[in-house]
Every structure is written in structure tokens, then in C-alpha cells.
N, C-alpha and C. Protein backbone atom coordinates (compact mmCIF):
# COMPACT_ATOMS: atom_id res chain seq x y z
N MET A 1 -18.42 3.20 6.52
CA MET A 1 -18.12 3.18 5.52
C MET A 1 -16.91 4.17 5.87
N LEU A 2 -15.73 3.51 4.99
CA LEU A 2 -14.72 4.15 5.01
C LEU A 2 -14.39 5.15 3.72
N ARG A 3 -14.33 6.55 3.92
CA ARG A 3 -14.43 7.61 3.03
C ARG A 3 -12.64 8.22 3.23
N LEU A 4 -12.18 8.66 2.26
CA LEU A 4 -11.52 9.46 2.08
C LEU A 4 -11.25 11.29 1.52
N ARG A 5 -10.53 11.54 1.63
CA ARG A 5 -10.69 13.04 1.37
C ARG A 5 -11.14 13.34 0.03
N ALA A 6 -12.34 13.94 -0.03
CA ALA A 6 -13.06 14.29 -1.54
C ALA A 6 -11.55 15.03 -2.57
N ASP A 7 -10.45 15.39 -2.39
CA ASP A 7 -9.03 15.49 -3.04
C ASP A 7 -8.54 14.38 -3.12
N GLN A 8 -8.75 13.00 -3.05
CA GLN A 8 -7.99 11.93 -2.83
C GLN A 8 -8.64 10.60 -3.63
N ASP A 9 -9.59 11.16 -4.40
CA ASP A 9 -10.87 9.98 -4.54
C ASP A 9 -10.29 9.45 -5.79
N ASP A 10 -9.42 10.50 -6.68
CA ASP A 10 -8.53 9.66 -8.27
C ASP A 10 -7.67 9.14 -7.84
N LEU A 11 -7.07 9.14 -6.50
CA LEU A 11 -5.49 8.62 -6.11
C LEU A 11 -5.50 7.27 -5.82
N VAL A 12 -6.41 6.85 -5.37
CA VAL A 12 -6.33 4.98 -5.06
C VAL A 12 -8.08 4.52 -5.48
N ALA A 13 -7.77 3.48 -5.18
CA ALA A 13 -9.31 2.95 -5.80
C ALA A 13 -10.16 2.55 -4.36
N PRO A 14 -11.32 3.00 -4.32
CA PRO A 14 -12.32 2.46 -3.09
C PRO A 14 -11.94 0.75 -2.70
N VAL A 15 -12.32 0.73 -1.32
CA VAL A 15 -11.79 -0.52 -0.76
C VAL A 15 -12.62 -1.14 -1.75
N ALA A 16 -14.31 -1.35 -1.84
CA ALA A 16 -14.34 -2.13 -2.46
C ALA A 16 -13.96 -2.70 -3.73
N TRP A 17 -13.19 -1.84 -4.33
CA TRP A 17 -12.67 -2.73 -6.12
C TRP A 17 -11.43 -3.30 -5.24
N SER A 18 -10.80 -2.68 -4.46
CA SER A 18 -9.77 -3.74 -3.72
C SER A 18 -9.94 -5.09 -3.32
N LEU A 19 -11.14 -5.05 -2.64
CA LEU A 19 -12.19 -6.37 -2.41
C LEU A 19 -12.52 -7.35 -3.36
N ALA A 20 -12.92 -6.98 -4.59
CA ALA A 20 -13.30 -7.43 -5.59
C ALA A 20 -11.88 -8.07 -6.03
N ASP A 21 -10.48 -7.33 -6.06
CA ASP A 21 -9.37 -7.91 -7.15
C ASP A 21 -8.77 -9.07 -5.87
N ALA A 22 -8.72 -8.71 -4.53
CA ALA A 22 -8.36 -9.63 -3.50
C ALA A 22 -9.64 -10.86 -3.58
N TYR A 23 -10.68 -11.09 -4.30
CA TYR A 23 -11.46 -12.24 -4.44
C TYR A 23 -10.95 -12.63 -5.64
N THR A 24 -10.88 -12.29 -6.69
CA THR A 24 -10.65 -12.44 -7.67
C THR A 24 -9.08 -13.13 -8.05
N MET A 25 -7.94 -12.38 -6.93
CA MET A 25 -6.92 -13.34 -7.22
C MET A 25 -6.26 -13.94 -5.44
N PRO A 26 -7.02 -14.92 -4.73
CA PRO A 26 -6.88 -14.59 -3.22
C PRO A 26 -5.28 -15.44 -3.27
N ASP A 27 -5.24 -16.27 -4.10
CA ASP A 27 -3.02 -16.58 -4.13
C ASP A 27 -2.58 -15.26 -3.96
N ILE A 28 -2.87 -14.01 -4.50
CA ILE A 28 -1.93 -13.15 -4.32
C ILE A 28 -2.05 -11.63 -3.30
N ALA A 29 -3.74 -11.63 -3.28
CA ALA A 29 -3.93 -10.56 -2.45
C ALA A 29 -3.88 -10.74 -1.03
N TRP A 30 -3.38 -10.37 -0.52
CA TRP A 30 -3.25 -9.69 1.34
C TRP A 30 -4.02 -8.64 1.76
N PRO A 31 -5.62 -8.97 1.63
CA PRO A 31 -6.03 -7.68 2.42
C PRO A 31 -6.55 -7.63 4.06
N ARG A 32 -6.23 -6.19 4.61
CA ARG A 32 -6.40 -6.15 5.88
C ARG A 32 -7.11 -4.88 6.26
N LEU A 33 -8.01 -4.87 7.36
CA LEU A 33 -8.74 -3.42 8.01
C LEU A 33 -8.00 -3.43 9.11
N ILE A 34 -7.76 -2.28 9.06
CA ILE A 34 -6.96 -1.14 10.18
C ILE A 34 -7.95 -0.71 11.28
N TYR A 35 -8.42 -1.16 12.31
CA TYR A 35 -8.63 -0.70 13.56
C TYR A 35 -7.54 -0.37 14.38
N ASP A 36 -8.69 0.96 15.04
CA ASP A 36 -8.06 1.09 16.38
C ASP A 36 -9.16 0.96 17.74
N ARG A 37 -8.88 0.00 18.45
CA ARG A 37 -10.09 -0.50 19.05
C ARG A 37 -11.24 -1.39 18.45
N ASP A 38 -12.40 -0.50 18.29
CA ASP A 38 -13.56 -0.81 17.46
C ASP A 38 -13.84 -0.18 16.31
N GLN A 39 -12.71 0.97 16.11
CA GLN A 39 -13.26 2.15 15.24
C GLN A 39 -12.27 1.63 13.92
N LEU A 40 -12.92 1.24 12.75
CA LEU A 40 -12.23 1.50 11.32
C LEU A 40 -11.93 2.46 10.96
N VAL A 41 -10.59 2.79 10.74
CA VAL A 41 -9.60 3.70 10.32
C VAL A 41 -9.45 3.95 9.01
N GLY A 42 -8.89 2.75 8.80
CA GLY A 42 -8.02 2.34 7.17
C GLY A 42 -8.36 0.68 6.42
N PHE A 43 -8.04 0.66 5.77
CA PHE A 43 -7.83 -0.65 5.19
C PHE A 43 -5.75 -0.80 4.38
N ILE A 44 -5.48 -1.76 3.94
CA ILE A 44 -4.36 -1.71 3.46
C ILE A 44 -4.74 -3.35 2.72
N MET A 45 -3.50 -3.00 1.67
CA MET A 45 -3.81 -4.67 0.63
C MET A 45 -2.19 -4.83 -0.08
N ALA A 46 -1.86 -5.59 -0.02
CA ALA A 46 -0.64 -6.09 -0.08
C ALA A 46 -0.79 -7.49 -1.20
N ALA A 47 0.39 -7.66 -2.25
CA ALA A 47 0.69 -8.23 -3.25
C ALA A 47 1.64 -9.39 -2.30
N PHE A 48 1.62 -10.51 -2.41
CA PHE A 48 2.71 -11.64 -2.13
C PHE A 48 2.47 -12.60 -3.22
N ALA A 49 3.77 -12.31 -4.36
CA ALA A 49 3.50 -13.66 -5.71
C ALA A 49 5.09 -13.28 -6.21
N PRO A 50 5.83 -14.44 -5.51
CA PRO A 50 7.28 -14.22 -5.66
C PRO A 50 7.54 -14.76 -7.07
N GLY A 51 6.58 -15.58 -7.22
CA GLY A 51 6.79 -15.90 -8.92
C GLY A 51 6.10 -15.30 -9.80
N HIS A 52 5.25 -14.59 -9.55
CA HIS A 52 4.44 -13.73 -10.64
C HIS A 52 5.33 -13.11 -12.12
N ASP A 53 4.78 -13.14 -12.81
CA ASP A 53 5.61 -12.67 -14.18
C ASP A 53 6.08 -11.23 -14.02
N ASN A 54 4.72 -10.61 -13.27
CA ASN A 54 5.08 -9.06 -13.20
C ASN A 54 5.69 -8.66 -11.72
N PRO A 55 7.09 -8.69 -11.88
CA PRO A 55 7.89 -8.47 -10.70
C PRO A 55 7.50 -7.31 -9.45
N LEU A 56 6.57 -6.61 -10.71
CA LEU A 56 5.97 -5.46 -9.09
C LEU A 56 5.02 -6.23 -7.89
N PHE A 57 4.43 -7.60 -8.62
CA PHE A 57 3.71 -8.02 -7.53
C PHE A 57 4.21 -9.23 -6.77
N HIS A 58 5.89 -9.19 -6.53
CA HIS A 58 6.17 -9.99 -5.56
C HIS A 58 6.14 -9.65 -4.23
N SER A 59 6.47 -8.04 -3.96
CA SER A 59 6.40 -7.62 -3.09
C SER A 59 6.06 -6.47 -3.28
N TYR A 60 4.44 -6.52 -2.68
CA TYR A 60 3.77 -4.61 -3.36
C TYR A 60 2.60 -4.25 -2.20
N LEU A 61 2.85 -3.29 -1.95
CA LEU A 61 1.72 -2.45 -0.97
C LEU A 61 1.20 -2.06 -2.55
N TRP A 62 -0.45 -2.83 -1.99
CA TRP A 62 -1.24 -2.30 -3.31
C TRP A 62 -2.02 -1.39 -3.06
N ARG A 63 -2.77 -1.16 -2.30
CA ARG A 63 -3.70 -0.13 -1.51
C ARG A 63 -3.22 0.07 -0.22
N LEU A 64 -3.88 1.36 0.20
CA LEU A 64 -3.55 2.13 1.48
C LEU A 64 -4.98 2.86 1.51
N ASN A 65 -5.43 2.99 2.46
CA ASN A 65 -7.28 3.52 2.36
C ASN A 65 -7.00 4.17 3.50
N ILE A 66 -6.81 4.97 4.14
CA ILE A 66 -7.13 5.83 5.80
C ILE A 66 -7.99 6.79 5.94
N GLY A 67 -9.36 6.81 6.50
CA GLY A 67 -10.18 7.27 6.29
C GLY A 67 -9.93 9.12 6.78
N ALA A 68 -10.50 9.66 6.13
CA ALA A 68 -10.51 10.95 5.87
C ALA A 68 -10.15 11.66 7.41
N GLU A 69 -11.15 11.15 8.23
CA GLU A 69 -11.02 11.82 9.55
C GLU A 69 -9.79 10.92 10.73
N HIS A 70 -8.88 10.08 10.04
CA HIS A 70 -8.12 9.33 10.60
C HIS A 70 -6.70 9.95 10.05
N GLN A 71 -6.90 10.48 9.02
CA GLN A 71 -5.63 11.15 8.77
C GLN A 71 -4.52 12.01 9.55
N GLY A 72 -3.07 11.64 9.08
CA GLY A 72 -2.56 12.41 9.89
C GLY A 72 -1.80 12.36 11.10
N LYS A 73 -2.98 10.95 11.75
CA LYS A 73 -2.87 10.11 13.23
C LYS A 73 -1.94 9.36 13.59
N GLY A 74 -0.75 8.76 12.39
CA GLY A 74 -0.26 7.75 12.45
C GLY A 74 -0.33 6.36 12.02
N TYR A 75 -1.38 5.86 11.61
CA TYR A 75 -2.61 4.75 11.25
C TYR A 75 -1.79 4.70 9.94
N GLY A 76 -1.76 5.02 9.08
CA GLY A 76 -0.87 4.65 7.51
C GLY A 76 0.91 4.51 8.13
N ARG A 77 1.11 5.02 8.59
CA ARG A 77 2.41 4.73 8.96
C ARG A 77 2.43 3.47 9.82
N PHE A 78 1.76 3.65 10.38
CA PHE A 78 1.53 2.33 11.97
C PHE A 78 1.19 0.68 10.48
N ALA A 79 0.61 0.85 9.75
CA ALA A 79 0.04 -0.11 8.88
C ALA A 79 1.02 -0.58 7.33
N VAL A 80 1.93 0.54 7.29
CA VAL A 80 2.85 0.47 6.11
C VAL A 80 4.06 -0.57 6.85
N GLU A 81 4.31 0.26 8.28
CA GLU A 81 5.42 -0.69 9.13
C GLU A 81 4.90 -2.12 9.18
N GLU A 82 3.92 -2.30 9.28
CA GLU A 82 3.26 -3.49 9.78
C GLU A 82 3.31 -4.64 8.81
N LEU A 83 3.07 -3.57 7.35
CA LEU A 83 3.37 -5.08 6.43
C LEU A 83 4.90 -4.73 5.79
N CYS A 84 5.62 -4.13 6.14
CA CYS A 84 6.83 -4.51 6.16
C CYS A 84 7.08 -5.51 6.83
N GLN A 85 7.35 -5.65 7.90
CA GLN A 85 7.48 -6.88 9.06
C GLN A 85 6.70 -7.86 8.69
N GLU A 86 5.96 -8.05 7.60
CA GLU A 86 4.91 -9.25 7.47
C GLU A 86 5.96 -9.42 5.82
N ALA A 87 6.26 -8.58 5.52
CA ALA A 87 7.00 -8.94 3.94
C ALA A 87 8.50 -9.19 4.52
N ALA A 88 8.91 -9.00 5.37
CA ALA A 88 10.49 -9.52 5.75
C ALA A 88 9.79 -11.00 6.44
N ARG A 89 9.22 -11.15 7.48
CA ARG A 89 8.82 -12.41 7.81
C ARG A 89 8.38 -13.76 6.52
N ARG A 90 7.76 -13.02 5.44
CA ARG A 90 7.91 -14.32 4.09
C ARG A 90 9.14 -14.17 3.38
N GLY A 91 10.07 -13.70 3.81
CA GLY A 91 11.32 -13.56 3.03
C GLY A 91 11.89 -12.52 2.21
N HIS A 92 10.99 -11.80 1.67
CA HIS A 92 11.26 -10.55 0.68
C HIS A 92 12.65 -9.66 1.51
N HIS A 93 13.14 -9.40 0.50
CA HIS A 93 14.13 -7.88 1.02
C HIS A 93 13.76 -6.75 0.43
N TRP A 94 12.65 -6.31 -0.13
CA TRP A 94 11.97 -5.25 -0.55
C TRP A 94 10.77 -4.97 -0.85
N LEU A 95 9.85 -4.01 -0.48
CA LEU A 95 8.53 -3.92 -0.83
C LEU A 95 8.62 -2.64 -1.17
N ARG A 96 7.72 -2.86 -2.27
CA ARG A 96 7.73 -1.67 -3.68
C ARG A 96 6.13 -1.09 -3.44
N VAL A 97 5.93 0.42 -4.25
CA VAL A 97 4.66 0.59 -4.07
C VAL A 97 4.69 1.67 -5.13
N SER A 98 3.35 1.80 -5.97
CA SER A 98 3.55 2.83 -6.91
C SER A 98 1.90 3.46 -6.56
N TYR A 99 2.18 5.14 -6.91
CA TYR A 99 1.21 5.92 -6.37
C TYR A 99 1.61 7.24 -7.39
N HIS A 100 0.33 8.18 -7.03
CA HIS A 100 0.24 9.48 -8.31
C HIS A 100 1.46 10.34 -7.69
N ALA A 101 2.06 10.59 -8.92
CA ALA A 101 2.91 11.66 -8.07
C ALA A 101 2.65 13.19 -8.52
N GLY A 102 3.21 13.96 -7.81
CA GLY A 102 2.13 15.60 -7.90
C GLY A 102 1.48 16.07 -6.83
N PRO A 103 0.79 16.99 -6.80
CA PRO A 103 -0.14 17.68 -5.98
C PRO A 103 -0.86 16.83 -5.13
N GLY A 104 -1.16 17.17 -4.05
CA GLY A 104 -2.19 16.33 -2.99
C GLY A 104 -1.62 14.93 -2.99
N GLY A 105 -0.80 14.16 -3.78
CA GLY A 105 -0.66 12.53 -3.64
C GLY A 105 0.51 12.49 -2.55
N PRO A 106 0.48 10.75 -2.48
CA PRO A 106 1.50 10.17 -1.08
C PRO A 106 2.90 10.23 -1.40
N GLU A 107 3.33 10.98 -2.27
CA GLU A 107 4.97 10.70 -2.72
C GLU A 107 5.71 11.41 -1.28
N MET A 108 5.05 12.08 -0.70
CA MET A 108 6.04 12.80 0.58
C MET A 108 6.11 11.34 1.55
N PHE A 109 4.72 11.33 1.68
CA PHE A 109 4.56 9.97 2.96
C PHE A 109 4.88 9.27 2.65
N TYR A 110 5.13 8.42 1.49
CA TYR A 110 6.03 7.05 0.92
C TYR A 110 7.52 7.55 1.26
N GLN A 111 8.05 8.80 0.99
CA GLN A 111 9.56 8.65 1.19
C GLN A 111 9.81 8.97 2.33
N ARG A 112 9.11 9.30 3.24
CA ARG A 112 9.15 9.60 4.95
C ARG A 112 9.22 8.43 5.28
N LEU A 113 8.84 7.03 4.31
CA LEU A 113 8.82 6.05 5.22
C LEU A 113 10.29 4.91 4.91
N GLY A 114 10.61 5.76 3.75
CA GLY A 114 11.91 5.17 3.06
C GLY A 114 11.52 4.71 1.68
N PHE A 115 10.83 4.70 0.89
CA PHE A 115 10.19 4.16 -0.03
C PHE A 115 11.26 5.06 -1.05
N ARG A 116 12.20 4.99 -2.15
CA ARG A 116 12.53 5.57 -2.99
C ARG A 116 12.22 5.19 -4.51
N PRO A 117 12.17 6.22 -5.21
CA PRO A 117 11.66 5.81 -6.52
C PRO A 117 12.50 5.11 -7.15
N THR A 118 12.26 4.25 -8.22
CA THR A 118 12.98 2.92 -8.97
C THR A 118 13.36 3.69 -9.90
N GLY A 119 12.61 5.03 -10.51
CA GLY A 119 12.50 5.03 -11.83
C GLY A 119 11.58 4.45 -13.17
N GLU A 120 10.91 3.65 -12.95
CA GLU A 120 9.89 2.59 -13.40
C GLU A 120 8.38 3.19 -13.03
N HIS A 121 7.49 3.19 -14.03
CA HIS A 121 6.57 3.83 -13.86
C HIS A 121 5.22 2.38 -13.94
N ASN A 122 4.28 2.32 -13.45
CA ASN A 122 3.10 1.29 -13.37
C ASN A 122 1.53 2.01 -13.64
N GLU A 123 1.20 1.69 -15.12
CA GLU A 123 0.12 2.53 -15.22
C GLU A 123 -0.34 3.95 -15.35
N GLY A 124 1.42 4.24 -15.23
CA GLY A 124 1.39 6.13 -14.86
C GLY A 124 1.59 6.57 -13.69
N GLU A 125 2.03 5.38 -12.36
CA GLU A 125 2.26 5.75 -11.55
C GLU A 125 3.25 5.74 -11.41
N THR A 126 4.07 6.35 -10.46
CA THR A 126 5.44 5.83 -9.95
C THR A 126 5.93 4.81 -8.98
N VAL A 127 6.88 4.19 -9.34
CA VAL A 127 7.25 2.90 -8.41
C VAL A 127 8.10 3.51 -7.50
N ALA A 128 7.94 3.04 -6.14
CA ALA A 128 9.63 3.23 -5.45
C ALA A 128 9.53 1.88 -4.49
N GLU A 129 10.90 1.87 -4.00
CA GLU A 129 10.99 0.42 -3.18
C GLU A 129 11.69 1.23 -2.28
N ARG A 130 11.25 0.45 -0.72
CA ARG A 130 12.29 0.04 0.35
C ARG A 130 12.94 -1.02 0.60
N GLN A 131 14.33 -0.76 0.96
CA GLN A 131 14.71 -2.15 1.51
C GLN A 131 14.28 -2.67 2.43
N LEU A 132 13.98 -3.65 2.99
CA LEU A 132 13.42 -4.32 4.34
C LEU A 132 14.16 -4.68 5.62
N PHE A 133 15.71 -5.17 4.59
CA PHE A 133 16.69 -5.21 5.70
C PHE A 133 17.87 -5.69 4.96
N GLN A 134 19.10 -5.53 5.08
CA GLN A 134 20.44 -5.86 4.69
C GLN A 134 20.29 -7.12 4.10
N LEU A 135 20.88 -7.15 2.61
CA LEU A 135 20.66 -8.27 1.62
C LEU A 135 22.39 -8.59 1.91
């Protein structure tokens, strides 16, 4: 089972919830497990729905969960970089993410990966985006 640190439980939905979202929205959701050899280290899910009414879902890093004992080892960075490549392969110019800003949150992680706040908010979370390649 993939467990986050106790102080992160309120920052990201459990993988089971993400899989439920993916099951109910198979035409939008792109869920992937992250392994290091045969060891499960994380989970990432994106939304790719260019025609969706909510522009956030056009190209969106929806969920990222890295197991507590695997954090700080580069797995999150690897997963996000691979997701950026997938989005670019699909013809997207931007990838968006939303997160809880504040102490203990992932804001600095996403900033180090090139995401910049847009000034928008989604359900109380800060929305940030990363340009995938020059327009």
C-alpha cells in the first residue's frame, strides 16, 4: 500500500479516490503507477481533455502521490518530467497543476520543476502552469 507522510494526508487524495475518478472518467483520466524495478514508489494521474469545459482539464497534473519512504529520491521529479513529455507528445503546450499553498505543501517542489502560479484558484488550491515548449 502506498502511504504518504502523516502531515500530507490532507494535501492529496488517496490513490483509491484517484482510481475511482479514473474509472468514472476514462476518456479524461490518465493514471499511472510509478515503480523502481519491482517496488511501487508512487502514483501519478493526469487529465488530457482538450475539449473539456473546464480549461484546467485540457492538460493537467491531477494527482501525484509518492510513498513516504520514497520521497526525496527523485521519483516525483521523474514522474512529472515523464508526464510533461507525454503532454507534449499529445500536442499540448502547457501543463497545469493545482496544489495547497502553505506550510508543508508542494509549492516549492512544483516551482523547482518550472511551474509558475497563474493567479487562478481551483477549489481553494493555487493553479500553476509550466510551458512545455516554445510556442
